[in-house]
């Protein structure tokens, strides 16, 4: 029960911070949220990060 309440509290905090929920900005850029970095235009950047480490 406490774990479920903690999950709800974390979700509520993330929504309040704008990390979850409806998009609050509109800059016209595509939304790549919930996409793998390697399948987006950021694939080269992601590859460089994984090869650097």
PDB file of N, CA and C in Angstrom:
ATOM      1  N   UNK A   1       0.815  -1.191   0.000  1.00  0.00           N
ATOM      2  CA  UNK A   1       0.000   0.000   0.000  1.00  0.00           C
ATOM      3  C   UNK A   1       0.864   1.262   0.000  1.00  0.00           C
ATOM      4  N   UNK A   2       1.923   1.288   0.809  1.00  0.00           N
ATOM      5  CA  UNK A   2       2.795   2.464   0.875  1.00  0.00           C
ATOM      6  C   UNK A   2       3.521   2.666  -0.450  1.00  0.00           C
ATOM      7  N   UNK A   3       3.907   1.570  -1.079  1.00  0.00           N
ATOM      8  CA  UNK A   3       4.602   1.689  -2.369  1.00  0.00           C
ATOM      9  C   UNK A   3       3.684   2.298  -3.424  1.00  0.00           C
ATOM     10  N   UNK A   4       2.451   1.873  -3.464  1.00  0.00           N
ATOM     11  CA  UNK A   4       1.493   2.424  -4.430  1.00  0.00           C
ATOM     12  C   UNK A   4       1.288   3.915  -4.184  1.00  0.00           C
ATOM     13  N   UNK A   5       1.202   4.308  -2.929  1.00  0.00           N
ATOM     14  CA  UNK A   5       1.037   5.726  -2.599  1.00  0.00           C
ATOM     15  C   UNK A   5       2.270   6.519  -3.025  1.00  0.00           C
ATOM     16  N   UNK A   6       3.438   5.928  -2.865  1.00  0.00           N
ATOM     17  CA  UNK A   6       4.675   6.598  -3.282  1.00  0.00           C
ATOM     18  C   UNK A   6       4.696   6.787  -4.792  1.00  0.00           C
ATOM     19  N   UNK A   7       4.257   5.789  -5.540  1.00  0.00           N
ATOM     20  CA  UNK A   7       4.194   5.910  -7.003  1.00  0.00           C
ATOM     21  C   UNK A   7       3.251   7.039  -7.415  1.00  0.00           C
ATOM     22  N   UNK A   8       2.122   7.129  -6.759  1.00  0.00           N
ATOM     23  CA  UNK A   8       1.167   8.194  -7.056  1.00  0.00           C
ATOM     24  C   UNK A   8       1.786   9.549  -6.743  1.00  0.00           C
ATOM     25  N   UNK A   9       2.470   9.667  -5.610  1.00  0.00           N
ATOM     26  CA  UNK A   9       3.092  10.932  -5.215  1.00  0.00           C
ATOM     27  C   UNK A   9       4.170  11.352  -6.206  1.00  0.00           C
ATOM     28  N   UNK A  10       4.985  10.396  -6.657  1.00  0.00           N
ATOM     29  CA  UNK A  10       6.035  10.701  -7.634  1.00  0.00           C
ATOM     30  C   UNK A  10       5.408  11.148  -8.944  1.00  0.00           C
ATOM     31  N   UNK A  11       4.387  10.453  -9.401  1.00  0.00           N
ATOM     32  CA  UNK A  11       3.721  10.842 -10.639  1.00  0.00           C
ATOM     33  C   UNK A  11       3.127  12.249 -10.514  1.00  0.00           C
ATOM     34  N   UNK A  12       2.481  12.537  -9.399  1.00  0.00           N
ATOM     35  CA  UNK A  12       1.902  13.869  -9.197  1.00  0.00           C
ATOM     36  C   UNK A  12       2.983  14.944  -9.232  1.00  0.00           C
ATOM     37  N   UNK A  13       4.129  14.672  -8.622  1.00  0.00           N
ATOM     38  CA  UNK A  13       5.234  15.635  -8.623  1.00  0.00           C
ATOM     39  C   UNK A  13       5.760  15.849 -10.036  1.00  0.00           C
ATOM     40  N   UNK A  14       5.908  14.771 -10.800  1.00  0.00           N
ATOM     41  CA  UNK A  14       6.416  14.893 -12.164  1.00  0.00           C
ATOM     42  C   UNK A  14       5.442  15.662 -13.054  1.00  0.00           C
ATOM     43  N   UNK A  15       4.151  15.450 -12.861  1.00  0.00           N
ATOM     44  CA  UNK A  15       3.157  16.213 -13.619  1.00  0.00           C
ATOM     45  C   UNK A  15       3.268  17.690 -13.247  1.00  0.00           C
ATOM     46  N   UNK A  16       3.398  17.980 -11.952  1.00  0.00           N
ATOM     47  CA  UNK A  16       3.498  19.370 -11.498  1.00  0.00           C
ATOM     48  C   UNK A  16       4.747  20.052 -12.048  1.00  0.00           C
ATOM     49  N   UNK A  17       5.824  19.297 -12.234  1.00  0.00           N
ATOM     50  CA  UNK A  17       7.069  19.853 -12.770  1.00  0.00           C
ATOM     51  C   UNK A  17       7.069  19.936 -14.296  1.00  0.00           C
ATOM     52  N   UNK A  18       6.055  19.377 -14.917  1.00  0.00           N
ATOM     53  CA  UNK A  18       5.979  19.412 -16.372  1.00  0.00           C
ATOM     54  C   UNK A  18       6.698  18.275 -17.059  1.00  0.00           C
ATOM     55  N   UNK A  19       7.163  17.289 -16.289  1.00  0.00           N
ATOM     56  CA  UNK A  19       7.846  16.147 -16.879  1.00  0.00           C
ATOM     57  C   UNK A  19       6.870  15.141 -17.489  1.00  0.00           C
ATOM     58  N   UNK A  20       5.648  15.167 -17.020  1.00  0.00           N
ATOM     59  CA  UNK A  20       4.608  14.278 -17.533  1.00  0.00           C
ATOM     60  C   UNK A  20       3.350  15.093 -17.746  1.00  0.00           C
ATOM     61  N   UNK A  21       2.441  14.532 -18.490  1.00  0.00           N
ATOM     62  CA  UNK A  21       1.186  15.225 -18.727  1.00  0.00           C
ATOM     63  C   UNK A  21       1.195  15.897 -20.088  1.00  0.00           C
ATOM     64  N   UNK A  22       0.267  16.789 -20.251  1.00  0.00           N
ATOM     65  CA  UNK A  22       0.130  17.477 -21.533  1.00  0.00           C
ATOM     66  C   UNK A  22       1.338  18.370 -21.805  1.00  0.00           C
ATOM     67  N   UNK A  23       1.698  18.462 -23.068  1.00  0.00           N
ATOM     68  CA  UNK A  23       2.798  19.338 -23.467  1.00  0.00           C
ATOM     69  C   UNK A  23       2.399  20.779 -23.164  1.00  0.00           C
ATOM     70  N   UNK A  24       3.292  21.518 -22.521  1.00  0.00           N
ATOM     71  CA  UNK A  24       2.978  22.893 -22.130  1.00  0.00           C
ATOM     72  C   UNK A  24       3.699  23.919 -23.001  1.00  0.00           C
ATOM     73  N   UNK A  25       4.408  23.448 -24.027  1.00  0.00           N
ATOM     74  CA  UNK A  25       5.080  24.363 -24.947  1.00  0.00           C
ATOM     75  C   UNK A  25       4.714  23.977 -26.367  1.00  0.00           C
ATOM     76  N   UNK A  26       4.918  24.885 -27.272  1.00  0.00           N
ATOM     77  CA  UNK A  26       4.647  24.597 -28.675  1.00  0.00           C
ATOM     78  C   UNK A  26       5.677  25.343 -29.524  1.00  0.00           C
ATOM     79  N   UNK A  27       6.791  24.683 -29.752  1.00  0.00           N
ATOM     80  CA  UNK A  27       7.846  25.300 -30.554  1.00  0.00           C
ATOM     81  C   UNK A  27       7.861  24.769 -31.984  1.00  0.00           C
ATOM     82  N   UNK A  28       6.900  23.896 -32.296  1.00  0.00           N
ATOM     83  CA  UNK A  28       6.802  23.365 -33.646  1.00  0.00           C
ATOM     84  C   UNK A  28       7.724  22.193 -33.932  1.00  0.00           C
ATOM     85  N   UNK A  29       8.598  21.861 -32.991  1.00  0.00           N
ATOM     86  CA  UNK A  29       9.528  20.748 -33.187  1.00  0.00           C
ATOM     87  C   UNK A  29       8.800  19.423 -32.946  1.00  0.00           C
ATOM     88  N   UNK A  30       9.216  18.368 -33.653  1.00  0.00           N
ATOM     89  CA  UNK A  30       8.601  17.059 -33.415  1.00  0.00           C
ATOM     90  C   UNK A  30       8.861  16.594 -31.980  1.00  0.00           C
ATOM     91  N   UNK A  31       7.949  15.852 -31.426  1.00  0.00           N
ATOM     92  CA  UNK A  31       8.083  15.331 -30.075  1.00  0.00           C
ATOM     93  C   UNK A  31       8.630  13.911 -30.143  1.00  0.00           C
ATOM     94  N   UNK A  32       9.862  13.736 -29.691  1.00  0.00           N
ATOM     95  CA  UNK A  32      10.492  12.418 -29.707  1.00  0.00           C
ATOM     96  C   UNK A  32      10.405  11.728 -28.356  1.00  0.00           C
ATOM     97  N   UNK A  33       9.544  12.232 -27.469  1.00  0.00           N
ATOM     98  CA  UNK A  33       9.343  11.585 -26.190  1.00  0.00           C
ATOM     99  C   UNK A  33       8.847  10.149 -26.438  1.00  0.00           C
ATOM    100  N   UNK A  34       9.339   9.251 -25.635  1.00  0.00           N
ATOM    101  CA  UNK A  34       8.987   7.828 -25.730  1.00  0.00           C
ATOM    102  C   UNK A  34       9.501   7.162 -27.010  1.00  0.00           C
ATOM    103  N   UNK A  35      10.559   7.718 -27.576  1.00  0.00           N
ATOM    104  CA  UNK A  35      11.250   7.109 -28.710  1.00  0.00           C
ATOM    105  C   UNK A  35      12.661   6.750 -28.271  1.00  0.00           C
ATOM    106  N   UNK A  36      13.211   5.719 -28.841  1.00  0.00           N
ATOM    107  CA  UNK A  36      14.603   5.397 -28.584  1.00  0.00           C
ATOM    108  C   UNK A  36      15.482   6.426 -29.287  1.00  0.00           C
ATOM    109  N   UNK A  37      16.519   6.908 -28.618  1.00  0.00           N
ATOM    110  CA  UNK A  37      17.399   7.916 -29.213  1.00  0.00           C
ATOM    111  C   UNK A  37      17.979   7.414 -30.536  1.00  0.00           C
ATOM    112  N   UNK A  38      18.255   6.130 -30.612  1.00  0.00           N
ATOM    113  CA  UNK A  38      18.878   5.596 -31.832  1.00  0.00           C
ATOM    114  C   UNK A  38      17.933   5.575 -33.037  1.00  0.00           C
ATOM    115  N   UNK A  39      16.636   5.802 -32.795  1.00  0.00           N
ATOM    116  CA  UNK A  39      15.683   5.812 -33.909  1.00  0.00           C
ATOM    117  C   UNK A  39      15.182   7.218 -34.218  1.00  0.00           C
ATOM    118  N   UNK A  40      15.887   8.224 -33.722  1.00  0.00           N
ATOM    119  CA  UNK A  40      15.513   9.617 -33.944  1.00  0.00           C
ATOM    120  C   UNK A  40      16.647  10.335 -34.671  1.00  0.00           C
ATOM    121  N   UNK A  41      16.448  11.588 -35.001  1.00  0.00           N
ATOM    122  CA  UNK A  41      17.542  12.361 -35.598  1.00  0.00           C
ATOM    123  C   UNK A  41      18.745  12.513 -34.658  1.00  0.00           C
ATOM    124  N   UNK A  42      18.604  12.116 -33.399  1.00  0.00           N
ATOM    125  CA  UNK A  42      19.690  12.201 -32.430  1.00  0.00           C
ATOM    126  C   UNK A  42      20.541  10.929 -32.401  1.00  0.00           C
ATOM    127  N   UNK A  43      20.372  10.070 -33.370  1.00  0.00           N
ATOM    128  CA  UNK A  43      21.067   8.778 -33.386  1.00  0.00           C
ATOM    129  C   UNK A  43      22.590   8.955 -33.361  1.00  0.00           C
ATOM    130  N   UNK A  44      23.118   9.893 -34.130  1.00  0.00           N
ATOM    131  CA  UNK A  44      24.567  10.118 -34.146  1.00  0.00           C
ATOM    132  C   UNK A  44      25.089  10.554 -32.795  1.00  0.00           C
ATOM    133  N   UNK A  45      24.379  11.444 -32.141  1.00  0.00           N
ATOM    134  CA  UNK A  45      24.746  11.906 -30.807  1.00  0.00           C
ATOM    135  C   UNK A  45      24.729  10.732 -29.832  1.00  0.00           C
ATOM    136  N   UNK A  46      23.695   9.914 -29.901  1.00  0.00           N
ATOM    137  CA  UNK A  46      23.583   8.755 -29.014  1.00  0.00           C
ATOM    138  C   UNK A  46      24.724   7.778 -29.250  1.00  0.00           C
ATOM    139  N   UNK A  47      25.034   7.516 -30.504  1.00  0.00           N
ATOM    140  CA  UNK A  47      26.129   6.615 -30.844  1.00  0.00           C
ATOM    141  C   UNK A  47      27.449   7.132 -30.256  1.00  0.00           C
ATOM    142  N   UNK A  48      27.702   8.429 -30.390  1.00  0.00           N
ATOM    143  CA  UNK A  48      28.930   9.006 -29.856  1.00  0.00           C
ATOM    144  C   UNK A  48      29.009   8.852 -28.335  1.00  0.00           C
ATOM    145  N   UNK A  49      27.877   8.994 -27.663  1.00  0.00           N
ATOM    146  CA  UNK A  49      27.873   8.831 -26.207  1.00  0.00           C
ATOM    147  C   UNK A  49      28.191   7.399 -25.807  1.00  0.00           C
ATOM    148  N   UNK A  50      27.578   6.449 -26.491  1.00  0.00           N
ATOM    149  CA  UNK A  50      27.769   5.051 -26.106  1.00  0.00           C
ATOM    150  C   UNK A  50      29.149   4.545 -26.484  1.00  0.00           C
ATOM    151  N   UNK A  51      29.779   5.124 -27.485  1.00  0.00           N
ATOM    152  CA  UNK A  51      31.124   4.706 -27.874  1.00  0.00           C
ATOM    153  C   UNK A  51      32.192   5.394 -27.027  1.00  0.00           C
ATOM    154  N   UNK A  52      31.876   6.553 -26.462  1.00  0.00           N
ATOM    155  CA  UNK A  52      32.855   7.301 -25.673  1.00  0.00           C
ATOM    156  C   UNK A  52      33.107   6.641 -24.315  1.00  0.00           C
ATOM    157  N   UNK A  53      32.116   5.922 -23.803  1.00  0.00           N
ATOM    158  CA  UNK A  53      32.228   5.356 -22.465  1.00  0.00           C
ATOM    159  C   UNK A  53      32.852   4.051 -22.498  1.00  0.00           C
TER     160      UNK A  53
END
